[in-house]
Amino acid sequence: MKKSNLLRTLIGLVIAAFFVYIAFRGISFKSLLHDALRANIYILLLATLVVLASHFLRALRWRVILQELKSDISVVDTWGSVMVGYLFNNFVPRLGEIVRAYATGRLEEISVRGVLGTIVLERLFDMLSAGILFGVALFLYHGDLIASFPFLRVAGVILVAGSVVLGAVLYVSSISEKFQRTILRLAEAVLPRKIAKKAENIFLSFLTSFKLLGSGKRVAIVTFYTALIWVAYIYTMYIPFFAFGFGARLHLTLYDAFLLILITSIAWSVPSPGGTGVYHLFVSAALVAISGVPK
């Protein structure tokens, strides 16, 4: 293992250990095991199927983007690469994206660099859609959640504003080279040289990936799959409510699951292997804040 990957792994493990301690401190493991064993296994199996369906939807969406590089991409290959990517992310955060690009490049005999560009585009769509959904959530929600997670309002505003600005800049830059040059000159004028160069590389990488979409029809299809992925994610959170018995008792709704998914999407940005500890802390704290679910 390279030193950089080893360091990232060690840092990830330290972060995971810290958040596991915070998430589970004061909790009786005997009671935790008792509640876990009482869960409805059939409902959990249903939730697992929905999780797999969400991964398959990701593979379908990615296949649409990859078709700009190769028209006859196999959905079996894209789904397999997505699953392998998730596996490696459990060991070293973000390593799965590189493994996914390499595996697909080898399987389909296309440029690994080009495949990485499509993954950047995927993440761009995820970020833009998350920003829009945060805006919707902040507009509709008027409960105790913001008091428990005060950073949500600031994070939501930043995500919404950033998503709108980035989306607009990328779209206009993709159709106007003059505007693109203006953005690059502006970066060179206001930023130190080294930072400006890095910002330019990131911007051009995003722009190149954005252009991979090609036609408006492809944009519409990718947007449709993105919406389906979010719906699947909401149900992967909603269904387990009823496996542990508190879904019906506390009248938890799809909207509650929607809020939880948005909160956990922030948790996944923390470089902990597989979201260990961070995910558990965010979900438990959010459930307590939303509906008083016993920790």
C-alpha atoms as a PDB file:
ATOM      1  CA  MET A   1       0.000   0.000   0.000  1.00  0.00           C
ATOM      2  CA  LYS A   2       1.328   3.477  -0.867  1.00  0.00           C
ATOM      3  CA  LYS A   3       2.254   5.760   2.037  1.00  0.00           C
ATOM      4  CA  SER A   4      -0.465   8.231   1.053  1.00  0.00           C
ATOM      5  CA  ASN A   5      -3.143   5.515   1.087  1.00  0.00           C
ATOM      6  CA  LEU A   6      -1.796   4.134   4.370  1.00  0.00           C
ATOM      7  CA  LEU A   7      -1.942   7.591   5.935  1.00  0.00           C
ATOM      8  CA  ARG A   8      -5.491   8.131   4.666  1.00  0.00           C
ATOM      9  CA  THR A   9      -6.504   4.749   6.071  1.00  0.00           C
ATOM     10  CA  LEU A  10      -4.998   5.517   9.482  1.00  0.00           C
ATOM     11  CA  ILE A  11      -6.627   8.957   9.594  1.00  0.00           C
ATOM     12  CA  GLY A  12      -9.947   7.399   8.570  1.00  0.00           C
ATOM     13  CA  LEU A  13      -9.684   4.779  11.321  1.00  0.00           C
ATOM     14  CA  VAL A  14      -8.940   7.444  13.939  1.00  0.00           C
ATOM     15  CA  ILE A  15     -11.929   9.496  12.776  1.00  0.00           C
ATOM     16  CA  ALA A  16     -14.143   6.388  12.778  1.00  0.00           C
ATOM     17  CA  ALA A  17     -13.029   5.397  16.295  1.00  0.00           C
ATOM     18  CA  PHE A  18     -13.713   8.901  17.608  1.00  0.00           C
ATOM     19  CA  PHE A  19     -17.218   9.090  16.141  1.00  0.00           C
ATOM     20  CA  VAL A  20     -18.075   5.522  17.181  1.00  0.00           C
ATOM     21  CA  TYR A  21     -17.196   6.502  20.751  1.00  0.00           C
ATOM     22  CA  ILE A  22     -19.336   9.669  20.558  1.00  0.00           C
ATOM     23  CA  ALA A  23     -22.254   7.845  18.903  1.00  0.00           C
ATOM     24  CA  PHE A  24     -22.386   4.896  21.309  1.00  0.00           C
ATOM     25  CA  ARG A  25     -21.224   6.351  24.622  1.00  0.00           C
ATOM     26  CA  GLY A  26     -23.744   5.893  27.418  1.00  0.00           C
ATOM     27  CA  ILE A  27     -25.605   3.187  25.483  1.00  0.00           C
ATOM     28  CA  SER A  28     -26.091  -0.254  27.002  1.00  0.00           C
ATOM     29  CA  PHE A  29     -24.739  -2.766  24.496  1.00  0.00           C
ATOM     30  CA  LYS A  30     -26.919  -5.425  26.084  1.00  0.00           C
ATOM     31  CA  SER A  31     -30.024  -3.349  25.298  1.00  0.00           C
ATOM     32  CA  LEU A  32     -28.646  -2.527  21.845  1.00  0.00           C
ATOM     33  CA  LEU A  33     -28.164  -6.215  21.042  1.00  0.00           C
ATOM     34  CA  HIS A  34     -31.609  -7.030  22.441  1.00  0.00           C
ATOM     35  CA  ASP A  35     -33.297  -4.415  20.224  1.00  0.00           C
ATOM     36  CA  ALA A  36     -31.284  -5.524  17.181  1.00  0.00           C
ATOM     37  CA  LEU A  37     -32.326  -9.164  17.631  1.00  0.00           C
ATOM     38  CA  ARG A  38     -35.991  -8.128  17.856  1.00  0.00           C
ATOM     39  CA  ALA A  39     -35.898  -6.421  14.455  1.00  0.00           C
ATOM     40  CA  ASN A  40     -38.206  -7.747  11.747  1.00  0.00           C
ATOM     41  CA  ILE A  41     -35.826  -9.577   9.419  1.00  0.00           C
ATOM     42  CA  TYR A  42     -38.271  -9.523   6.490  1.00  0.00           C
ATOM     43  CA  ILE A  43     -38.577  -5.749   6.584  1.00  0.00           C
ATOM     44  CA  LEU A  44     -34.784  -5.450   6.740  1.00  0.00           C
ATOM     45  CA  LEU A  45     -34.486  -7.771   3.725  1.00  0.00           C
ATOM     46  CA  LEU A  46     -36.908  -5.517   1.851  1.00  0.00           C
ATOM     47  CA  ALA A  47     -34.762  -2.501   2.767  1.00  0.00           C
ATOM     48  CA  THR A  48     -31.691  -4.373   1.510  1.00  0.00           C
ATOM     49  CA  LEU A  49     -33.384  -4.989  -1.842  1.00  0.00           C
ATOM     50  CA  VAL A  50     -34.153  -1.274  -2.126  1.00  0.00           C
ATOM     51  CA  VAL A  51     -30.492  -0.478  -1.360  1.00  0.00           C
ATOM     52  CA  LEU A  52     -29.414  -2.828  -4.163  1.00  0.00           C
ATOM     53  CA  ALA A  53     -31.986  -1.204  -6.449  1.00  0.00           C
ATOM     54  CA  SER A  54     -30.490   2.228  -5.685  1.00  0.00           C
ATOM     55  CA  HIS A  55     -27.042   0.925  -6.643  1.00  0.00           C
ATOM     56  CA  PHE A  56     -28.475  -0.500  -9.871  1.00  0.00           C
ATOM     57  CA  LEU A  57     -30.054   2.883 -10.652  1.00  0.00           C
ATOM     58  CA  ARG A  58     -26.632   4.455 -10.147  1.00  0.00           C
ATOM     59  CA  ALA A  59     -25.182   1.944 -12.593  1.00  0.00           C
ATOM     60  CA  LEU A  60     -27.888   2.792 -15.147  1.00  0.00           C
ATOM     61  CA  ARG A  61     -27.284   6.532 -14.748  1.00  0.00           C
ATOM     62  CA  TRP A  62     -23.534   6.083 -15.056  1.00  0.00           C
ATOM     63  CA  ARG A  63     -24.010   3.943 -18.173  1.00  0.00           C
ATOM     64  CA  VAL A  64     -25.904   6.808 -19.844  1.00  0.00           C
ATOM     65  CA  ILE A  65     -22.989   9.170 -19.136  1.00  0.00           C
ATOM     66  CA  LEU A  66     -20.381   6.608 -20.242  1.00  0.00           C
ATOM     67  CA  GLN A  67     -22.139   6.140 -23.585  1.00  0.00           C
ATOM     68  CA  GLU A  68     -20.499   9.382 -24.710  1.00  0.00           C
ATOM     69  CA  LEU A  69     -17.202   7.432 -24.521  1.00  0.00           C
ATOM     70  CA  LYS A  70     -18.522   4.095 -25.813  1.00  0.00           C
ATOM     71  CA  SER A  71     -22.006   3.425 -27.142  1.00  0.00           C
ATOM     72  CA  ASP A  72     -22.371  -0.238 -26.144  1.00  0.00           C
ATOM     73  CA  ILE A  73     -21.421  -0.086 -22.447  1.00  0.00           C
ATOM     74  CA  SER A  74     -22.610  -3.138 -20.481  1.00  0.00           C
ATOM     75  CA  VAL A  75     -24.851  -2.368 -17.499  1.00  0.00           C
ATOM     76  CA  VAL A  76     -23.492  -5.533 -15.852  1.00  0.00           C
ATOM     77  CA  ASP A  77     -19.997  -4.029 -15.969  1.00  0.00           C
ATOM     78  CA  THR A  78     -21.122  -0.653 -14.632  1.00  0.00           C
ATOM     79  CA  TRP A  79     -23.114  -2.258 -11.799  1.00  0.00           C
ATOM     80  CA  GLY A  80     -20.194  -4.509 -10.886  1.00  0.00           C
ATOM     81  CA  SER A  81     -17.821  -1.536 -10.864  1.00  0.00           C
ATOM     82  CA  VAL A  82     -20.200   0.494  -8.687  1.00  0.00           C
ATOM     83  CA  MET A  83     -20.394  -2.335  -6.139  1.00  0.00           C
ATOM     84  CA  VAL A  84     -16.609  -2.828  -6.127  1.00  0.00           C
ATOM     85  CA  GLY A  85     -16.202   0.917  -5.619  1.00  0.00           C
ATOM     86  CA  TYR A  86     -18.441   0.848  -2.549  1.00  0.00           C
ATOM     87  CA  LEU A  87     -16.440  -2.096  -1.209  1.00  0.00           C
ATOM     88  CA  PHE A  88     -13.130  -0.231  -1.422  1.00  0.00           C
ATOM     89  CA  ASN A  89     -14.640   2.934   0.081  1.00  0.00           C
ATOM     90  CA  ASN A  90     -15.171   0.895   3.251  1.00  0.00           C
ATOM     91  CA  PHE A  91     -11.392   0.608   3.623  1.00  0.00           C
ATOM     92  CA  VAL A  92     -10.013   3.868   2.224  1.00  0.00           C
ATOM     93  CA  PRO A  93     -12.409   6.805   1.705  1.00  0.00           C
ATOM     94  CA  ARG A  94     -12.667   7.858  -1.973  1.00  0.00           C
ATOM     95  CA  LEU A  95     -10.397   5.013  -3.140  1.00  0.00           C
ATOM     96  CA  GLY A  96     -13.474   3.270  -4.518  1.00  0.00           C
ATOM     97  CA  GLU A  97     -13.924   5.943  -7.202  1.00  0.00           C
ATOM     98  CA  ILE A  98     -10.427   5.303  -8.554  1.00  0.00           C
ATOM     99  CA  VAL A  99     -10.909   1.526  -8.445  1.00  0.00           C
ATOM    100  CA  ARG A 100     -14.270   1.907 -10.189  1.00  0.00           C
ATOM    101  CA  ALA A 101     -12.728   3.977 -12.980  1.00  0.00           C
ATOM    102  CA  TYR A 102      -9.831   1.548 -13.431  1.00  0.00           C
ATOM    103  CA  ALA A 103     -12.100  -1.528 -13.437  1.00  0.00           C
ATOM    104  CA  THR A 104     -14.497  -0.040 -15.984  1.00  0.00           C
ATOM    105  CA  GLY A 105     -11.663   1.214 -18.173  1.00  0.00           C
ATOM    106  CA  ARG A 106     -10.153  -2.273 -18.296  1.00  0.00           C
ATOM    107  CA  LEU A 107     -13.464  -4.097 -18.787  1.00  0.00           C
ATOM    108  CA  GLU A 108     -14.736  -1.801 -21.535  1.00  0.00           C
ATOM    109  CA  GLU A 109     -11.320  -0.952 -23.052  1.00  0.00           C
ATOM    110  CA  ILE A 110     -11.785   2.805 -22.737  1.00  0.00           C
ATOM    111  CA  SER A 111      -9.661   5.600 -21.248  1.00  0.00           C
ATOM    112  CA  VAL A 112      -9.458   5.460 -17.440  1.00  0.00           C
ATOM    113  CA  ARG A 113      -9.003   9.249 -17.441  1.00  0.00           C
ATOM    114  CA  GLY A 114     -12.224   9.595 -19.417  1.00  0.00           C
ATOM    115  CA  VAL A 115     -14.050   7.284 -17.001  1.00  0.00           C
ATOM    116  CA  LEU A 116     -12.821   9.408 -14.077  1.00  0.00           C
ATOM    117  CA  GLY A 117     -14.345  12.405 -15.833  1.00  0.00           C
ATOM    118  CA  THR A 118     -17.740  10.682 -15.877  1.00  0.00           C
ATOM    119  CA  ILE A 119     -17.443   9.985 -12.135  1.00  0.00           C
ATOM    120  CA  VAL A 120     -16.716  13.680 -11.551  1.00  0.00           C
ATOM    121  CA  LEU A 121     -19.888  14.433 -13.513  1.00  0.00           C
ATOM    122  CA  GLU A 122     -21.848  11.970 -11.367  1.00  0.00           C
ATOM    123  CA  ARG A 123     -20.655  13.715  -8.219  1.00  0.00           C
ATOM    124  CA  LEU A 124     -21.547  17.052  -9.774  1.00  0.00           C
ATOM    125  CA  PHE A 125     -25.123  15.872 -10.342  1.00  0.00           C
ATOM    126  CA  ASP A 126     -25.265  14.539  -6.786  1.00  0.00           C
ATOM    127  CA  MET A 127     -24.068  17.874  -5.408  1.00  0.00           C
ATOM    128  CA  LEU A 128     -26.455  19.954  -7.510  1.00  0.00           C
ATOM    129  CA  SER A 129     -29.440  17.770  -6.606  1.00  0.00           C
ATOM    130  CA  ALA A 130     -28.478  17.766  -2.904  1.00  0.00           C
ATOM    131  CA  GLY A 131     -28.317  21.557  -2.991  1.00  0.00           C
ATOM    132  CA  ILE A 132     -31.804  21.787  -4.483  1.00  0.00           C
ATOM    133  CA  LEU A 133     -33.216  19.313  -1.949  1.00  0.00           C
ATOM    134  CA  PHE A 134     -31.605  21.174   0.952  1.00  0.00           C
ATOM    135  CA  GLY A 135     -33.336  24.324  -0.238  1.00  0.00           C
ATOM    136  CA  VAL A 136     -36.682  22.512  -0.318  1.00  0.00           C
ATOM    137  CA  ALA A 137     -36.105  21.017   3.145  1.00  0.00           C
ATOM    138  CA  LEU A 138     -35.151  24.343   4.743  1.00  0.00           C
ATOM    139  CA  PHE A 139     -38.174  26.019   3.185  1.00  0.00           C
ATOM    140  CA  LEU A 140     -40.643  23.371   4.377  1.00  0.00           C
ATOM    141  CA  TYR A 141     -39.252  22.362   7.775  1.00  0.00           C
ATOM    142  CA  HIS A 142     -40.115  24.257  10.962  1.00  0.00           C
ATOM    143  CA  GLY A 143     -39.159  21.906  13.802  1.00  0.00           C
ATOM    144  CA  ASP A 144     -36.421  21.222  16.322  1.00  0.00           C
ATOM    145  CA  LEU A 145     -34.007  19.769  13.784  1.00  0.00           C
ATOM    146  CA  ILE A 146     -32.246  23.083  13.111  1.00  0.00           C
ATOM    147  CA  ALA A 147     -31.762  23.599  16.858  1.00  0.00           C
ATOM    148  CA  SER A 148     -30.065  20.202  17.105  1.00  0.00           C
ATOM    149  CA  PHE A 149     -28.026  20.726  13.916  1.00  0.00           C
ATOM    150  CA  PRO A 150     -27.448  24.514  13.754  1.00  0.00           C
ATOM    151  CA  PHE A 151     -24.950  24.082  10.902  1.00  0.00           C
ATOM    152  CA  LEU A 152     -27.729  22.751   8.650  1.00  0.00           C
ATOM    153  CA  ARG A 153     -29.112  26.174   7.801  1.00  0.00           C
ATOM    154  CA  VAL A 154     -25.686  27.535   6.863  1.00  0.00           C
ATOM    155  CA  ALA A 155     -24.765  24.319   5.020  1.00  0.00           C
ATOM    156  CA  GLY A 156     -28.082  24.382   3.190  1.00  0.00           C
ATOM    157  CA  VAL A 157     -27.702  28.000   2.075  1.00  0.00           C
ATOM    158  CA  ILE A 158     -24.129  27.356   0.904  1.00  0.00           C
ATOM    159  CA  LEU A 159     -25.169  24.192  -0.964  1.00  0.00           C
ATOM    160  CA  VAL A 160     -28.153  25.834  -2.653  1.00  0.00           C
ATOM    161  CA  ALA A 161     -26.247  28.977  -3.642  1.00  0.00           C
ATOM    162  CA  GLY A 162     -23.172  26.993  -4.687  1.00  0.00           C
ATOM    163  CA  SER A 163     -25.239  24.555  -6.739  1.00  0.00           C
ATOM    164  CA  VAL A 164     -27.095  27.305  -8.593  1.00  0.00           C
ATOM    165  CA  VAL A 165     -23.942  29.338  -9.288  1.00  0.00           C
ATOM    166  CA  LEU A 166     -21.815  26.331 -10.288  1.00  0.00           C
ATOM    167  CA  GLY A 167     -24.538  24.896 -12.506  1.00  0.00           C
ATOM    168  CA  ALA A 168     -25.071  28.250 -14.238  1.00  0.00           C
ATOM    169  CA  VAL A 169     -21.334  28.890 -14.710  1.00  0.00           C
ATOM    170  CA  LEU A 170     -20.711  25.416 -16.134  1.00  0.00           C
ATOM    171  CA  TYR A 171     -23.685  25.624 -18.482  1.00  0.00           C
ATOM    172  CA  VAL A 172     -22.770  29.064 -19.856  1.00  0.00           C
ATOM    173  CA  SER A 173     -19.079  28.081 -20.094  1.00  0.00           C
ATOM    174  CA  SER A 174     -19.997  24.959 -22.068  1.00  0.00           C
ATOM    175  CA  ILE A 175     -21.697  27.053 -24.757  1.00  0.00           C
ATOM    176  CA  SER A 176     -19.520  30.189 -24.656  1.00  0.00           C
ATOM    177  CA  GLU A 177     -15.711  30.058 -24.871  1.00  0.00           C
ATOM    178  CA  LYS A 178     -15.610  33.818 -24.259  1.00  0.00           C
ATOM    179  CA  PHE A 179     -17.363  33.382 -20.904  1.00  0.00           C
ATOM    180  CA  GLN A 180     -15.049  30.476 -20.081  1.00  0.00           C
ATOM    181  CA  ARG A 181     -11.972  32.648 -20.715  1.00  0.00           C
ATOM    182  CA  THR A 182     -13.482  35.410 -18.574  1.00  0.00           C
ATOM    183  CA  ILE A 183     -13.899  33.014 -15.633  1.00  0.00           C
ATOM    184  CA  LEU A 184     -10.293  31.824 -15.958  1.00  0.00           C
ATOM    185  CA  ARG A 185      -8.935  35.402 -16.170  1.00  0.00           C
ATOM    186  CA  LEU A 186     -11.002  36.340 -13.113  1.00  0.00           C
ATOM    187  CA  ALA A 187      -9.505  33.443 -11.138  1.00  0.00           C
ATOM    188  CA  GLU A 188      -5.985  34.507 -12.149  1.00  0.00           C
ATOM    189  CA  ALA A 189      -6.702  38.103 -11.123  1.00  0.00           C
ATOM    190  CA  VAL A 190      -8.109  37.483  -7.625  1.00  0.00           C
ATOM    191  CA  LEU A 191      -6.284  34.318  -6.498  1.00  0.00           C
ATOM    192  CA  PRO A 192      -2.605  33.605  -5.751  1.00  0.00           C
ATOM    193  CA  ARG A 193      -0.871  31.927  -8.695  1.00  0.00           C
ATOM    194  CA  LYS A 194      -0.686  28.386  -7.244  1.00  0.00           C
ATOM    195  CA  ILE A 195      -4.276  28.440  -5.989  1.00  0.00           C
ATOM    196  CA  ALA A 196      -5.481  29.948  -9.271  1.00  0.00           C
ATOM    197  CA  LYS A 197      -3.775  27.124 -11.197  1.00  0.00           C
ATOM    198  CA  LYS A 198      -5.437  24.469  -9.040  1.00  0.00           C
ATOM    199  CA  ALA A 199      -8.804  26.229  -9.321  1.00  0.00           C
ATOM    200  CA  GLU A 200      -8.367  26.380 -13.109  1.00  0.00           C
ATOM    201  CA  ASN A 201      -7.613  22.642 -13.283  1.00  0.00           C
ATOM    202  CA  ILE A 202     -10.665  21.796 -11.161  1.00  0.00           C
ATOM    203  CA  PHE A 203     -12.889  24.101 -13.221  1.00  0.00           C
ATOM    204  CA  LEU A 204     -11.682  22.654 -16.534  1.00  0.00           C
ATOM    205  CA  SER A 205     -12.111  19.116 -15.173  1.00  0.00           C
ATOM    206  CA  PHE A 206     -15.711  19.900 -14.203  1.00  0.00           C
ATOM    207  CA  LEU A 207     -16.332  21.595 -17.548  1.00  0.00           C
ATOM    208  CA  THR A 208     -14.896  18.676 -19.532  1.00  0.00           C
ATOM    209  CA  SER A 209     -17.067  16.283 -17.535  1.00  0.00           C
ATOM    210  CA  PHE A 210     -20.117  18.513 -18.008  1.00  0.00           C
ATOM    211  CA  LYS A 211     -19.636  18.420 -21.775  1.00  0.00           C
ATOM    212  CA  LEU A 212     -19.718  14.611 -21.673  1.00  0.00           C
ATOM    213  CA  LEU A 213     -23.496  14.814 -21.346  1.00  0.00           C
ATOM    214  CA  GLY A 214     -23.714  15.933 -24.938  1.00  0.00           C
ATOM    215  CA  SER A 215     -27.397  16.211 -25.883  1.00  0.00           C
ATOM    216  CA  GLY A 216     -30.306  17.673 -23.929  1.00  0.00           C
ATOM    217  CA  LYS A 217     -31.962  14.253 -24.079  1.00  0.00           C
ATOM    218  CA  ARG A 218     -29.044  12.728 -22.174  1.00  0.00           C
ATOM    219  CA  VAL A 219     -29.262  15.502 -19.562  1.00  0.00           C
ATOM    220  CA  ALA A 220     -32.966  14.725 -19.103  1.00  0.00           C
ATOM    221  CA  ILE A 221     -32.307  10.982 -18.700  1.00  0.00           C
ATOM    222  CA  VAL A 222     -29.511  11.547 -16.163  1.00  0.00           C
ATOM    223  CA  THR A 223     -31.737  13.975 -14.236  1.00  0.00           C
ATOM    224  CA  PHE A 224     -34.544  11.392 -14.227  1.00  0.00           C
ATOM    225  CA  TYR A 225     -32.255   8.672 -12.867  1.00  0.00           C
ATOM    226  CA  THR A 226     -30.911  11.103 -10.249  1.00  0.00           C
ATOM    227  CA  ALA A 227     -34.464  11.717  -9.016  1.00  0.00           C
ATOM    228  CA  LEU A 228     -35.128   7.955  -8.857  1.00  0.00           C
ATOM    229  CA  ILE A 229     -31.910   7.433  -6.880  1.00  0.00           C
ATOM    230  CA  TRP A 230     -33.013   9.989  -4.280  1.00  0.00           C
ATOM    231  CA  VAL A 231     -36.433   8.324  -4.027  1.00  0.00           C
ATOM    232  CA  ALA A 232     -34.752   4.949  -3.485  1.00  0.00           C
ATOM    233  CA  TYR A 233     -32.484   6.454  -0.813  1.00  0.00           C
ATOM    234  CA  ILE A 234     -35.488   7.889   1.022  1.00  0.00           C
ATOM    235  CA  TYR A 235     -37.155   4.467   1.086  1.00  0.00           C
ATOM    236  CA  THR A 236     -33.943   2.800   2.312  1.00  0.00           C
ATOM    237  CA  MET A 237     -34.234   5.079   5.349  1.00  0.00           C
ATOM    238  CA  TYR A 238     -38.035   4.869   5.690  1.00  0.00           C
ATOM    239  CA  ILE A 239     -38.527   1.084   5.554  1.00  0.00           C
ATOM    240  CA  PRO A 240     -36.223   0.223   8.522  1.00  0.00           C
ATOM    241  CA  PHE A 241     -38.313   2.514  10.771  1.00  0.00           C
ATOM    242  CA  PHE A 242     -40.881  -0.286  10.827  1.00  0.00           C
ATOM    243  CA  ALA A 243     -38.359  -3.088  11.339  1.00  0.00           C
ATOM    244  CA  PHE A 244     -37.693  -1.766  14.836  1.00  0.00           C
ATOM    245  CA  GLY A 245     -41.286  -0.918  15.718  1.00  0.00           C
ATOM    246  CA  PHE A 246     -41.075   2.841  16.182  1.00  0.00           C
ATOM    247  CA  GLY A 247     -42.139   3.867  12.672  1.00  0.00           C
ATOM    248  CA  ALA A 248     -45.871   3.418  13.230  1.00  0.00           C
ATOM    249  CA  ARG A 249     -45.757   4.224  16.953  1.00  0.00           C
ATOM    250  CA  LEU A 250     -44.141   7.627  16.418  1.00  0.00           C
ATOM    251  CA  HIS A 251     -45.907   8.305  13.102  1.00  0.00           C
ATOM    252  CA  LEU A 252     -42.680   8.704  11.143  1.00  0.00           C
ATOM    253  CA  THR A 253     -43.242   9.682   7.529  1.00  0.00           C
ATOM    254  CA  LEU A 254     -41.410   9.705   4.213  1.00  0.00           C
ATOM    255  CA  TYR A 255     -40.635  13.361   4.901  1.00  0.00           C
ATOM    256  CA  ASP A 256     -38.799  12.356   8.098  1.00  0.00           C
ATOM    257  CA  ALA A 257     -36.800   9.861   6.041  1.00  0.00           C
ATOM    258  CA  PHE A 258     -36.123  12.610   3.485  1.00  0.00           C
ATOM    259  CA  LEU A 259     -34.663  14.847   6.219  1.00  0.00           C
ATOM    260  CA  LEU A 260     -32.515  12.005   7.536  1.00  0.00           C
ATOM    261  CA  ILE A 261     -31.111  11.273   4.091  1.00  0.00           C
ATOM    262  CA  LEU A 262     -30.102  14.919   3.664  1.00  0.00           C
ATOM    263  CA  ILE A 263     -28.374  14.940   7.053  1.00  0.00           C
ATOM    264  CA  THR A 264     -26.536  11.687   6.402  1.00  0.00           C
ATOM    265  CA  SER A 265     -25.407  12.975   3.005  1.00  0.00           C
ATOM    266  CA  ILE A 266     -23.323  15.481   4.986  1.00  0.00           C
ATOM    267  CA  ALA A 267     -22.042  12.669   7.211  1.00  0.00           C
ATOM    268  CA  TRP A 268     -20.733  10.778   4.160  1.00  0.00           C
ATOM    269  CA  SER A 269     -18.481  13.746   3.337  1.00  0.00           C
ATOM    270  CA  VAL A 270     -16.419  13.052   6.483  1.00  0.00           C
ATOM    271  CA  PRO A 271     -13.457  10.785   5.537  1.00  0.00           C
ATOM    272  CA  SER A 272     -14.421   7.864   7.756  1.00  0.00           C
ATOM    273  CA  PRO A 273     -14.236   4.363   6.189  1.00  0.00           C
ATOM    274  CA  GLY A 274     -17.769   3.440   5.136  1.00  0.00           C
ATOM    275  CA  GLY A 275     -19.138   6.358   7.169  1.00  0.00           C
ATOM    276  CA  THR A 276     -18.469   4.349  10.341  1.00  0.00           C
ATOM    277  CA  GLY A 277     -19.406   6.263  13.468  1.00  0.00           C
ATOM    278  CA  VAL A 278     -20.278   9.504  11.665  1.00  0.00           C
ATOM    279  CA  TYR A 279     -23.349   8.012   9.984  1.00  0.00           C
ATOM    280  CA  HIS A 280     -24.543   6.421  13.233  1.00  0.00           C
ATOM    281  CA  LEU A 281     -24.095   9.653  15.203  1.00  0.00           C
ATOM    282  CA  PHE A 282     -25.960  11.786  12.663  1.00  0.00           C
ATOM    283  CA  VAL A 283     -28.863   9.352  12.262  1.00  0.00           C
ATOM    284  CA  SER A 284     -29.392   8.815  15.995  1.00  0.00           C
ATOM    285  CA  ALA A 285     -29.169  12.528  16.806  1.00  0.00           C
ATOM    286  CA  ALA A 286     -31.521  13.418  13.943  1.00  0.00           C
ATOM    287  CA  LEU A 287     -34.115  10.793  14.931  1.00  0.00           C
ATOM    288  CA  VAL A 288     -34.114  12.106  18.505  1.00  0.00           C
ATOM    289  CA  ALA A 289     -34.510  15.688  17.239  1.00  0.00           C
ATOM    290  CA  ILE A 290     -37.239  14.925  14.696  1.00  0.00           C
ATOM    291  CA  SER A 291     -39.550  12.673  16.672  1.00  0.00           C
ATOM    292  CA  GLY A 292     -38.065  11.797  20.040  1.00  0.00           C
ATOM    293  CA  VAL A 293     -36.976   8.276  19.122  1.00  0.00           C
ATOM    294  CA  PRO A 294     -35.160   6.896  22.193  1.00  0.00           C
ATOM    295  CA  LYS A 295     -31.410   6.945  21.630  1.00  0.00           C
END
